[in-house]
Amino acid sequence: MHRYASDPAVTEHTMWGPNAEEDTLQYLHMVIQYSEQTPRNNYELAITLKDGGALIGGCGIYRMDTNAEMGYCLNRDHWRQGYASEAAEAICRFGFETLGVHRIYATCRPGNAGSAGVLRRIGMTKEGHLRQHLWFKGRFHDSYLFSILRDELDRSNTEVRSDER
């Protein structure tokens, strides 16, 4: 995990990083605390390869009543191979089916076209452009806001599948 969390290319558009070893250890401690919550509202999950189980990234979902925020991060050696889309769709399905939320949202920086593409591919709708709403890494940052509603996930996947034929 520290390998990708300390990579400046991976963390260019994140609010955190590049991580020092201590940052990654603090994150792991936080993830352990999440796993001990009752009821549990925060999930940080590993993204691993089916063949061999190598850790290639992580995804998370954070429930707040009937809404949840989701995100993901991937080792750059595995970008543009469909893993982020697969993980994002799976975490949304988990949010809707297991956590029972109605709406899931995600943000990305305008310069992160790959992440915006992932959000569109899984059926999220771009709701807006939040201007300079976050301060991190010494300056203000904009975000694009995307969301998907429970009944839209399967509909968007059906539309994608029929478009691929």
N, C-alpha and C. Protein backbone atom coordinates (compact mmCIF):
# COMPACT_ATOMS: atom_id res chain seq x y z
N MET A 1 0.82 -1.19 0.00
CA MET A 1 0.00 0.00 0.00
C MET A 1 0.87 1.26 0.00
N HIS A 2 1.90 1.23 0.80
CA HIS A 2 2.74 2.43 0.88
C HIS A 2 3.38 2.76 -0.48
N ARG A 3 3.63 1.74 -1.29
CA ARG A 3 4.24 1.96 -2.59
C ARG A 3 3.39 2.92 -3.43
N TYR A 4 2.08 2.71 -3.51
CA TYR A 4 1.26 3.63 -4.31
C TYR A 4 0.87 4.87 -3.52
N ALA A 5 0.72 4.78 -2.21
CA ALA A 5 0.34 5.95 -1.41
C ALA A 5 1.46 6.99 -1.32
N SER A 6 2.67 6.57 -1.61
CA SER A 6 3.80 7.51 -1.59
C SER A 6 4.19 8.00 -2.98
N ASP A 7 3.45 7.57 -3.99
CA ASP A 7 3.74 7.93 -5.38
C ASP A 7 3.12 9.29 -5.71
N PRO A 8 3.92 10.30 -6.05
CA PRO A 8 3.37 11.63 -6.37
C PRO A 8 2.39 11.61 -7.54
N ALA A 9 2.56 10.73 -8.50
CA ALA A 9 1.61 10.65 -9.63
C ALA A 9 0.25 10.15 -9.15
N VAL A 10 0.25 9.18 -8.25
CA VAL A 10 -1.00 8.63 -7.72
C VAL A 10 -1.72 9.65 -6.86
N THR A 11 -0.98 10.42 -6.08
CA THR A 11 -1.60 11.35 -5.12
C THR A 11 -1.72 12.78 -5.64
N GLU A 12 -1.44 12.98 -6.91
CA GLU A 12 -1.50 14.34 -7.48
C GLU A 12 -2.85 15.01 -7.24
N HIS A 13 -3.95 14.27 -7.35
CA HIS A 13 -5.29 14.84 -7.23
C HIS A 13 -5.98 14.50 -5.92
N THR A 14 -5.26 13.90 -4.97
CA THR A 14 -5.87 13.53 -3.70
C THR A 14 -5.62 14.62 -2.66
N MET A 15 -6.44 14.60 -1.60
CA MET A 15 -6.26 15.54 -0.51
C MET A 15 -5.09 15.12 0.39
N TRP A 16 -4.61 13.93 0.23
CA TRP A 16 -3.53 13.39 1.06
C TRP A 16 -2.35 13.03 0.15
N GLY A 17 -1.25 12.76 0.79
CA GLY A 17 -0.07 12.26 0.08
C GLY A 17 0.71 13.31 -0.67
N PRO A 18 1.82 12.89 -1.23
CA PRO A 18 2.38 11.55 -1.12
C PRO A 18 2.74 11.24 0.34
N ASN A 19 2.44 10.01 0.74
CA ASN A 19 2.60 9.60 2.13
C ASN A 19 4.05 9.34 2.51
N ALA A 20 4.38 9.73 3.74
CA ALA A 20 5.56 9.21 4.43
C ALA A 20 5.11 7.91 5.07
N GLU A 21 6.04 7.07 5.49
CA GLU A 21 5.67 5.79 6.11
C GLU A 21 4.73 6.01 7.30
N GLU A 22 4.97 7.03 8.11
CA GLU A 22 4.12 7.32 9.26
C GLU A 22 2.68 7.62 8.83
N ASP A 23 2.49 8.34 7.71
CA ASP A 23 1.14 8.62 7.21
C ASP A 23 0.40 7.33 6.86
N THR A 24 1.08 6.42 6.21
CA THR A 24 0.47 5.15 5.82
C THR A 24 0.13 4.33 7.05
N LEU A 25 1.00 4.31 8.06
CA LEU A 25 0.71 3.59 9.30
C LEU A 25 -0.50 4.19 10.02
N GLN A 26 -0.61 5.52 10.03
CA GLN A 26 -1.78 6.17 10.64
C GLN A 26 -3.06 5.80 9.90
N TYR A 27 -2.98 5.77 8.58
CA TYR A 27 -4.13 5.36 7.78
C TYR A 27 -4.56 3.93 8.13
N LEU A 28 -3.60 3.01 8.21
CA LEU A 28 -3.92 1.62 8.55
C LEU A 28 -4.56 1.53 9.94
N HIS A 29 -4.08 2.33 10.89
CA HIS A 29 -4.68 2.36 12.22
C HIS A 29 -6.13 2.83 12.13
N MET A 30 -6.40 3.85 11.31
CA MET A 30 -7.76 4.35 11.12
C MET A 30 -8.66 3.26 10.52
N VAL A 31 -8.15 2.52 9.55
CA VAL A 31 -8.92 1.45 8.91
C VAL A 31 -9.28 0.37 9.93
N ILE A 32 -8.37 0.05 10.80
CA ILE A 32 -8.66 -0.93 11.86
C ILE A 32 -9.76 -0.40 12.77
N GLN A 33 -9.71 0.88 13.11
CA GLN A 33 -10.77 1.47 13.94
C GLN A 33 -12.12 1.41 13.22
N TYR A 34 -12.13 1.67 11.91
CA TYR A 34 -13.38 1.56 11.15
C TYR A 34 -13.97 0.16 11.28
N SER A 35 -13.12 -0.85 11.21
CA SER A 35 -13.60 -2.23 11.24
C SER A 35 -14.19 -2.60 12.59
N GLU A 36 -13.90 -1.82 13.62
CA GLU A 36 -14.41 -2.10 14.96
C GLU A 36 -15.65 -1.28 15.30
N GLN A 37 -16.13 -0.44 14.38
CA GLN A 37 -17.32 0.38 14.63
C GLN A 37 -18.57 -0.49 14.75
N THR A 38 -19.47 -0.06 15.64
CA THR A 38 -20.79 -0.67 15.74
C THR A 38 -21.79 0.43 16.00
N PRO A 39 -22.72 0.71 15.11
CA PRO A 39 -22.80 0.15 13.76
C PRO A 39 -21.67 0.69 12.90
N ARG A 40 -21.37 -0.05 11.89
CA ARG A 40 -20.26 0.34 11.01
C ARG A 40 -20.77 1.21 9.88
N ASN A 41 -20.16 2.40 9.72
CA ASN A 41 -20.54 3.33 8.67
C ASN A 41 -19.41 3.62 7.68
N ASN A 42 -18.19 3.27 8.02
CA ASN A 42 -17.03 3.57 7.18
C ASN A 42 -16.32 2.28 6.81
N TYR A 43 -16.09 2.12 5.52
CA TYR A 43 -15.43 0.93 5.00
C TYR A 43 -14.29 1.34 4.09
N GLU A 44 -13.12 0.81 4.35
CA GLU A 44 -11.96 0.94 3.46
C GLU A 44 -11.57 -0.48 3.09
N LEU A 45 -11.62 -0.79 1.80
CA LEU A 45 -11.40 -2.16 1.35
C LEU A 45 -10.24 -2.22 0.36
N ALA A 46 -9.57 -3.34 0.35
CA ALA A 46 -8.44 -3.54 -0.56
C ALA A 46 -8.95 -3.91 -1.95
N ILE A 47 -8.24 -3.47 -2.95
CA ILE A 47 -8.45 -3.92 -4.32
C ILE A 47 -7.27 -4.85 -4.63
N THR A 48 -7.59 -6.10 -4.91
CA THR A 48 -6.55 -7.09 -5.16
C THR A 48 -6.79 -7.77 -6.51
N LEU A 49 -5.74 -8.30 -7.06
CA LEU A 49 -5.86 -9.05 -8.30
C LEU A 49 -6.43 -10.44 -8.01
N LYS A 50 -7.32 -10.90 -8.88
CA LYS A 50 -7.91 -12.23 -8.70
C LYS A 50 -6.84 -13.31 -8.74
N ASP A 51 -5.91 -13.16 -9.66
CA ASP A 51 -4.81 -14.13 -9.78
C ASP A 51 -3.67 -13.70 -8.87
N GLY A 52 -3.49 -14.39 -7.78
CA GLY A 52 -2.36 -14.13 -6.89
C GLY A 52 -2.67 -13.23 -5.72
N GLY A 53 -3.72 -12.43 -5.78
CA GLY A 53 -4.11 -11.60 -4.65
C GLY A 53 -3.27 -10.38 -4.37
N ALA A 54 -2.45 -9.94 -5.33
CA ALA A 54 -1.60 -8.77 -5.10
C ALA A 54 -2.46 -7.53 -4.84
N LEU A 55 -2.07 -6.75 -3.83
CA LEU A 55 -2.75 -5.49 -3.50
C LEU A 55 -2.40 -4.45 -4.56
N ILE A 56 -3.42 -3.89 -5.21
CA ILE A 56 -3.17 -2.88 -6.25
C ILE A 56 -3.85 -1.55 -5.95
N GLY A 57 -4.62 -1.48 -4.87
CA GLY A 57 -5.29 -0.23 -4.53
C GLY A 57 -6.30 -0.42 -3.43
N GLY A 58 -7.13 0.59 -3.27
CA GLY A 58 -8.16 0.54 -2.25
C GLY A 58 -9.38 1.32 -2.67
N CYS A 59 -10.51 1.01 -2.06
CA CYS A 59 -11.73 1.78 -2.28
C CYS A 59 -12.46 1.87 -0.95
N GLY A 60 -13.27 2.89 -0.84
CA GLY A 60 -13.97 3.09 0.42
C GLY A 60 -15.35 3.67 0.21
N ILE A 61 -16.19 3.49 1.23
CA ILE A 61 -17.51 4.07 1.24
C ILE A 61 -17.81 4.52 2.67
N TYR A 62 -18.43 5.68 2.78
CA TYR A 62 -18.68 6.31 4.07
C TYR A 62 -20.15 6.71 4.13
N ARG A 63 -20.93 5.96 4.92
CA ARG A 63 -22.37 6.17 4.99
C ARG A 63 -22.70 7.30 5.96
N MET A 64 -23.62 8.16 5.50
CA MET A 64 -24.17 9.24 6.30
C MET A 64 -25.68 9.22 6.09
N ASP A 65 -26.38 8.47 6.94
CA ASP A 65 -27.83 8.32 6.85
C ASP A 65 -28.19 7.63 5.53
N THR A 66 -28.92 8.30 4.64
CA THR A 66 -29.35 7.66 3.39
C THR A 66 -28.40 7.95 2.23
N ASN A 67 -27.32 8.65 2.49
CA ASN A 67 -26.31 8.98 1.48
C ASN A 67 -24.99 8.33 1.85
N ALA A 68 -24.12 8.20 0.87
CA ALA A 68 -22.77 7.72 1.14
C ALA A 68 -21.82 8.37 0.14
N GLU A 69 -20.60 8.55 0.58
CA GLU A 69 -19.53 9.03 -0.31
C GLU A 69 -18.61 7.85 -0.58
N MET A 70 -18.16 7.75 -1.82
CA MET A 70 -17.23 6.67 -2.15
C MET A 70 -16.00 7.23 -2.86
N GLY A 71 -14.93 6.46 -2.79
CA GLY A 71 -13.69 6.85 -3.46
C GLY A 71 -12.82 5.63 -3.69
N TYR A 72 -11.75 5.83 -4.42
CA TYR A 72 -10.85 4.74 -4.75
C TYR A 72 -9.49 5.31 -5.09
N CYS A 73 -8.48 4.47 -5.01
CA CYS A 73 -7.11 4.85 -5.35
C CYS A 73 -6.42 3.59 -5.86
N LEU A 74 -5.65 3.75 -6.90
CA LEU A 74 -5.04 2.59 -7.55
C LEU A 74 -3.56 2.85 -7.84
N ASN A 75 -2.76 1.82 -7.65
CA ASN A 75 -1.36 1.86 -8.07
C ASN A 75 -1.33 2.18 -9.56
N ARG A 76 -0.49 3.12 -9.96
CA ARG A 76 -0.52 3.56 -11.36
C ARG A 76 -0.13 2.48 -12.37
N ASP A 77 0.54 1.43 -11.91
CA ASP A 77 0.84 0.31 -12.81
C ASP A 77 -0.43 -0.39 -13.28
N HIS A 78 -1.56 -0.09 -12.62
CA HIS A 78 -2.82 -0.77 -12.94
C HIS A 78 -3.89 0.20 -13.43
N TRP A 79 -3.50 1.41 -13.76
CA TRP A 79 -4.44 2.36 -14.34
C TRP A 79 -4.86 1.90 -15.74
N ARG A 80 -6.03 2.33 -16.17
CA ARG A 80 -6.56 2.12 -17.51
C ARG A 80 -6.71 0.63 -17.89
N GLN A 81 -7.02 -0.17 -16.87
CA GLN A 81 -7.24 -1.60 -17.11
C GLN A 81 -8.61 -2.05 -16.61
N GLY A 82 -9.44 -1.09 -16.18
CA GLY A 82 -10.79 -1.41 -15.74
C GLY A 82 -10.94 -1.72 -14.26
N TYR A 83 -9.83 -1.77 -13.52
CA TYR A 83 -9.92 -2.13 -12.10
C TYR A 83 -10.65 -1.07 -11.27
N ALA A 84 -10.41 0.20 -11.54
CA ALA A 84 -11.09 1.25 -10.77
C ALA A 84 -12.60 1.21 -11.04
N SER A 85 -12.99 1.02 -12.29
CA SER A 85 -14.42 0.93 -12.61
C SER A 85 -15.05 -0.27 -11.93
N GLU A 86 -14.37 -1.40 -11.95
CA GLU A 86 -14.90 -2.61 -11.32
C GLU A 86 -15.05 -2.40 -9.81
N ALA A 87 -14.04 -1.80 -9.18
CA ALA A 87 -14.10 -1.56 -7.74
C ALA A 87 -15.17 -0.53 -7.39
N ALA A 88 -15.27 0.54 -8.18
CA ALA A 88 -16.26 1.59 -7.91
C ALA A 88 -17.67 1.04 -8.04
N GLU A 89 -17.91 0.24 -9.06
CA GLU A 89 -19.23 -0.36 -9.22
C GLU A 89 -19.54 -1.31 -8.06
N ALA A 90 -18.56 -2.11 -7.66
CA ALA A 90 -18.77 -3.05 -6.55
C ALA A 90 -19.05 -2.33 -5.24
N ILE A 91 -18.33 -1.25 -4.98
CA ILE A 91 -18.54 -0.52 -3.72
C ILE A 91 -19.90 0.17 -3.75
N CYS A 92 -20.35 0.64 -4.92
CA CYS A 92 -21.70 1.22 -5.02
C CYS A 92 -22.75 0.15 -4.77
N ARG A 93 -22.58 -1.00 -5.37
CA ARG A 93 -23.52 -2.10 -5.17
C ARG A 93 -23.59 -2.47 -3.69
N PHE A 94 -22.45 -2.52 -3.02
CA PHE A 94 -22.39 -2.79 -1.58
C PHE A 94 -23.17 -1.71 -0.82
N GLY A 95 -22.96 -0.45 -1.20
CA GLY A 95 -23.66 0.64 -0.52
C GLY A 95 -25.17 0.54 -0.66
N PHE A 96 -25.64 0.23 -1.86
CA PHE A 96 -27.07 0.13 -2.09
C PHE A 96 -27.67 -1.15 -1.48
N GLU A 97 -27.03 -2.28 -1.72
CA GLU A 97 -27.62 -3.57 -1.34
C GLU A 97 -27.38 -3.94 0.12
N THR A 98 -26.22 -3.60 0.65
CA THR A 98 -25.89 -4.01 2.02
C THR A 98 -26.11 -2.88 3.02
N LEU A 99 -25.66 -1.68 2.67
CA LEU A 99 -25.81 -0.55 3.60
C LEU A 99 -27.18 0.12 3.48
N GLY A 100 -27.87 -0.11 2.37
CA GLY A 100 -29.22 0.42 2.20
C GLY A 100 -29.30 1.91 1.93
N VAL A 101 -28.25 2.49 1.37
CA VAL A 101 -28.30 3.93 1.08
C VAL A 101 -29.12 4.17 -0.20
N HIS A 102 -29.56 5.38 -0.36
CA HIS A 102 -30.35 5.78 -1.52
C HIS A 102 -29.49 6.46 -2.59
N ARG A 103 -28.46 7.19 -2.15
CA ARG A 103 -27.65 7.99 -3.07
C ARG A 103 -26.19 7.85 -2.68
N ILE A 104 -25.33 7.67 -3.68
CA ILE A 104 -23.88 7.62 -3.46
C ILE A 104 -23.25 8.70 -4.32
N TYR A 105 -22.34 9.43 -3.73
CA TYR A 105 -21.67 10.49 -4.47
C TYR A 105 -20.15 10.34 -4.38
N ALA A 106 -19.48 11.00 -5.30
CA ALA A 106 -18.02 11.01 -5.34
C ALA A 106 -17.58 12.33 -5.94
N THR A 107 -16.39 12.74 -5.58
CA THR A 107 -15.80 13.94 -6.18
C THR A 107 -14.47 13.58 -6.80
N CYS A 108 -14.07 14.40 -7.75
CA CYS A 108 -12.72 14.30 -8.31
C CYS A 108 -12.29 15.69 -8.75
N ARG A 109 -11.01 15.89 -8.80
CA ARG A 109 -10.47 17.18 -9.26
C ARG A 109 -10.69 17.27 -10.77
N PRO A 110 -10.97 18.47 -11.28
CA PRO A 110 -11.19 18.64 -12.73
C PRO A 110 -10.04 18.13 -13.60
N GLY A 111 -8.83 18.16 -13.09
CA GLY A 111 -7.69 17.68 -13.88
C GLY A 111 -7.56 16.17 -13.93
N ASN A 112 -8.39 15.47 -13.19
CA ASN A 112 -8.30 14.02 -13.12
C ASN A 112 -9.32 13.38 -14.07
N ALA A 113 -9.03 13.45 -15.35
CA ALA A 113 -9.95 12.93 -16.38
C ALA A 113 -10.18 11.43 -16.23
N GLY A 114 -9.18 10.69 -15.80
CA GLY A 114 -9.35 9.25 -15.63
C GLY A 114 -10.40 8.93 -14.58
N SER A 115 -10.36 9.63 -13.47
CA SER A 115 -11.34 9.38 -12.42
C SER A 115 -12.74 9.82 -12.85
N ALA A 116 -12.84 10.96 -13.51
CA ALA A 116 -14.15 11.39 -14.02
C ALA A 116 -14.71 10.35 -15.00
N GLY A 117 -13.85 9.76 -15.80
CA GLY A 117 -14.27 8.72 -16.73
C GLY A 117 -14.80 7.48 -16.00
N VAL A 118 -14.14 7.10 -14.92
CA VAL A 118 -14.60 5.96 -14.12
C VAL A 118 -16.01 6.24 -13.60
N LEU A 119 -16.21 7.42 -13.05
CA LEU A 119 -17.51 7.76 -12.46
C LEU A 119 -18.61 7.77 -13.52
N ARG A 120 -18.30 8.27 -14.69
CA ARG A 120 -19.29 8.25 -15.78
C ARG A 120 -19.57 6.81 -16.23
N ARG A 121 -18.51 5.99 -16.33
CA ARG A 121 -18.66 4.60 -16.80
C ARG A 121 -19.57 3.78 -15.90
N ILE A 122 -19.55 4.06 -14.59
CA ILE A 122 -20.41 3.27 -13.70
C ILE A 122 -21.80 3.87 -13.58
N GLY A 123 -22.08 4.92 -14.37
CA GLY A 123 -23.44 5.46 -14.43
C GLY A 123 -23.69 6.67 -13.57
N MET A 124 -22.65 7.24 -12.99
CA MET A 124 -22.86 8.44 -12.17
C MET A 124 -23.14 9.64 -13.07
N THR A 125 -23.91 10.56 -12.53
CA THR A 125 -24.25 11.80 -13.21
C THR A 125 -23.43 12.93 -12.61
N LYS A 126 -22.85 13.75 -13.47
CA LYS A 126 -22.13 14.92 -12.97
C LYS A 126 -23.16 15.96 -12.52
N GLU A 127 -23.11 16.29 -11.24
CA GLU A 127 -24.06 17.24 -10.67
C GLU A 127 -23.55 18.66 -10.67
N GLY A 128 -22.24 18.83 -10.67
CA GLY A 128 -21.76 20.20 -10.62
C GLY A 128 -20.26 20.32 -10.49
N HIS A 129 -19.85 21.56 -10.47
CA HIS A 129 -18.45 21.95 -10.34
C HIS A 129 -18.36 22.81 -9.09
N LEU A 130 -17.73 22.28 -8.06
CA LEU A 130 -17.55 23.00 -6.80
C LEU A 130 -16.26 23.80 -6.90
N ARG A 131 -16.39 25.11 -6.87
CA ARG A 131 -15.23 25.97 -7.09
C ARG A 131 -14.51 26.29 -5.80
N GLN A 132 -13.21 25.99 -5.78
CA GLN A 132 -12.30 26.31 -4.68
C GLN A 132 -12.92 26.04 -3.32
N HIS A 133 -13.52 24.88 -3.16
CA HIS A 133 -14.19 24.55 -1.90
C HIS A 133 -13.30 23.78 -0.93
N LEU A 134 -12.15 23.33 -1.39
CA LEU A 134 -11.24 22.58 -0.52
C LEU A 134 -9.88 23.24 -0.45
N TRP A 135 -9.29 23.25 0.75
CA TRP A 135 -7.93 23.74 0.93
C TRP A 135 -7.07 22.54 1.32
N PHE A 136 -6.11 22.22 0.49
CA PHE A 136 -5.12 21.21 0.83
C PHE A 136 -3.90 21.41 -0.05
N LYS A 137 -2.79 20.92 0.43
CA LYS A 137 -1.51 21.04 -0.27
C LYS A 137 -1.19 22.48 -0.62
N GLY A 138 -1.56 23.39 0.29
CA GLY A 138 -1.16 24.78 0.16
C GLY A 138 -1.99 25.66 -0.75
N ARG A 139 -3.12 25.18 -1.23
CA ARG A 139 -3.95 26.01 -2.09
C ARG A 139 -5.39 25.50 -2.13
N PHE A 140 -6.29 26.31 -2.70
CA PHE A 140 -7.67 25.90 -2.88
C PHE A 140 -7.80 25.02 -4.12
N HIS A 141 -8.76 24.10 -4.07
CA HIS A 141 -8.98 23.18 -5.17
C HIS A 141 -10.47 23.12 -5.52
N ASP A 142 -10.75 22.92 -6.81
CA ASP A 142 -12.09 22.68 -7.30
C ASP A 142 -12.35 21.17 -7.30
N SER A 143 -13.62 20.81 -7.37
CA SER A 143 -14.02 19.41 -7.52
C SER A 143 -15.21 19.32 -8.44
N TYR A 144 -15.28 18.22 -9.17
CA TYR A 144 -16.50 17.83 -9.85
C TYR A 144 -17.26 16.92 -8.89
N LEU A 145 -18.57 17.09 -8.84
CA LEU A 145 -19.42 16.27 -7.99
C LEU A 145 -20.26 15.35 -8.87
N PHE A 146 -20.20 14.06 -8.60
CA PHE A 146 -20.97 13.05 -9.32
C PHE A 146 -21.83 12.29 -8.32
N SER A 147 -22.95 11.74 -8.79
CA SER A 147 -23.76 10.88 -7.91
C SER A 147 -24.51 9.85 -8.74
N ILE A 148 -25.00 8.85 -8.01
CA ILE A 148 -25.85 7.82 -8.59
C ILE A 148 -26.88 7.44 -7.54
N LEU A 149 -28.11 7.19 -8.00
CA LEU A 149 -29.19 6.76 -7.12
C LEU A 149 -29.34 5.25 -7.22
N ARG A 150 -29.93 4.67 -6.20
CA ARG A 150 -30.05 3.21 -6.12
C ARG A 150 -30.63 2.60 -7.40
N ASP A 151 -31.71 3.16 -7.93
CA ASP A 151 -32.34 2.55 -9.11
C ASP A 151 -31.60 2.83 -10.41
N GLU A 152 -30.58 3.64 -10.37
CA GLU A 152 -29.82 3.96 -11.59
C GLU A 152 -28.67 2.99 -11.85
N LEU A 153 -28.17 2.31 -10.84
CA LEU A 153 -26.98 1.46 -11.02
C LEU A 153 -27.24 0.35 -12.02
N ASP A 154 -28.28 -0.43 -11.83
CA ASP A 154 -28.55 -1.52 -12.77
C ASP A 154 -28.98 -1.00 -14.13
N ARG A 155 -29.73 0.11 -14.15
CA ARG A 155 -30.16 0.67 -15.42
C ARG A 155 -28.96 1.13 -16.23
N SER A 156 -27.99 1.77 -15.58
CA SER A 156 -26.81 2.25 -16.32
C SER A 156 -25.99 1.08 -16.84
N ASN A 157 -25.91 -0.01 -16.07
CA ASN A 157 -25.15 -1.18 -16.52
C ASN A 157 -25.85 -1.87 -17.68
N THR A 158 -27.17 -1.91 -17.66
CA THR A 158 -27.93 -2.50 -18.78
C THR A 158 -27.70 -1.67 -20.04
N GLU A 159 -27.72 -0.34 -19.90
CA GLU A 159 -27.49 0.52 -21.06
C GLU A 159 -26.09 0.33 -21.62
N VAL A 160 -25.09 0.19 -20.73
CA VAL A 160 -23.71 -0.01 -21.20
C VAL A 160 -23.61 -1.34 -21.92
N ARG A 161 -24.19 -2.39 -21.33
CA ARG A 161 -24.11 -3.70 -21.97
C ARG A 161 -24.78 -3.71 -23.34
N SER A 162 -25.94 -3.04 -23.46
CA SER A 162 -26.63 -3.03 -24.76
C SER A 162 -25.87 -2.19 -25.77
N ASP A 163 -25.14 -1.16 -25.30
CA ASP A 163 -24.33 -0.34 -26.20
C ASP A 163 -23.11 -1.10 -26.72
N GLU A 164 -22.63 -2.08 -25.94
CA GLU A 164 -21.44 -2.82 -26.33
C GLU A 164 -21.73 -3.86 -27.40
N ARG A 165 -23.01 -4.16 -27.64
CA ARG A 165 -23.36 -5.21 -28.61
C ARG A 165 -23.20 -4.74 -30.02
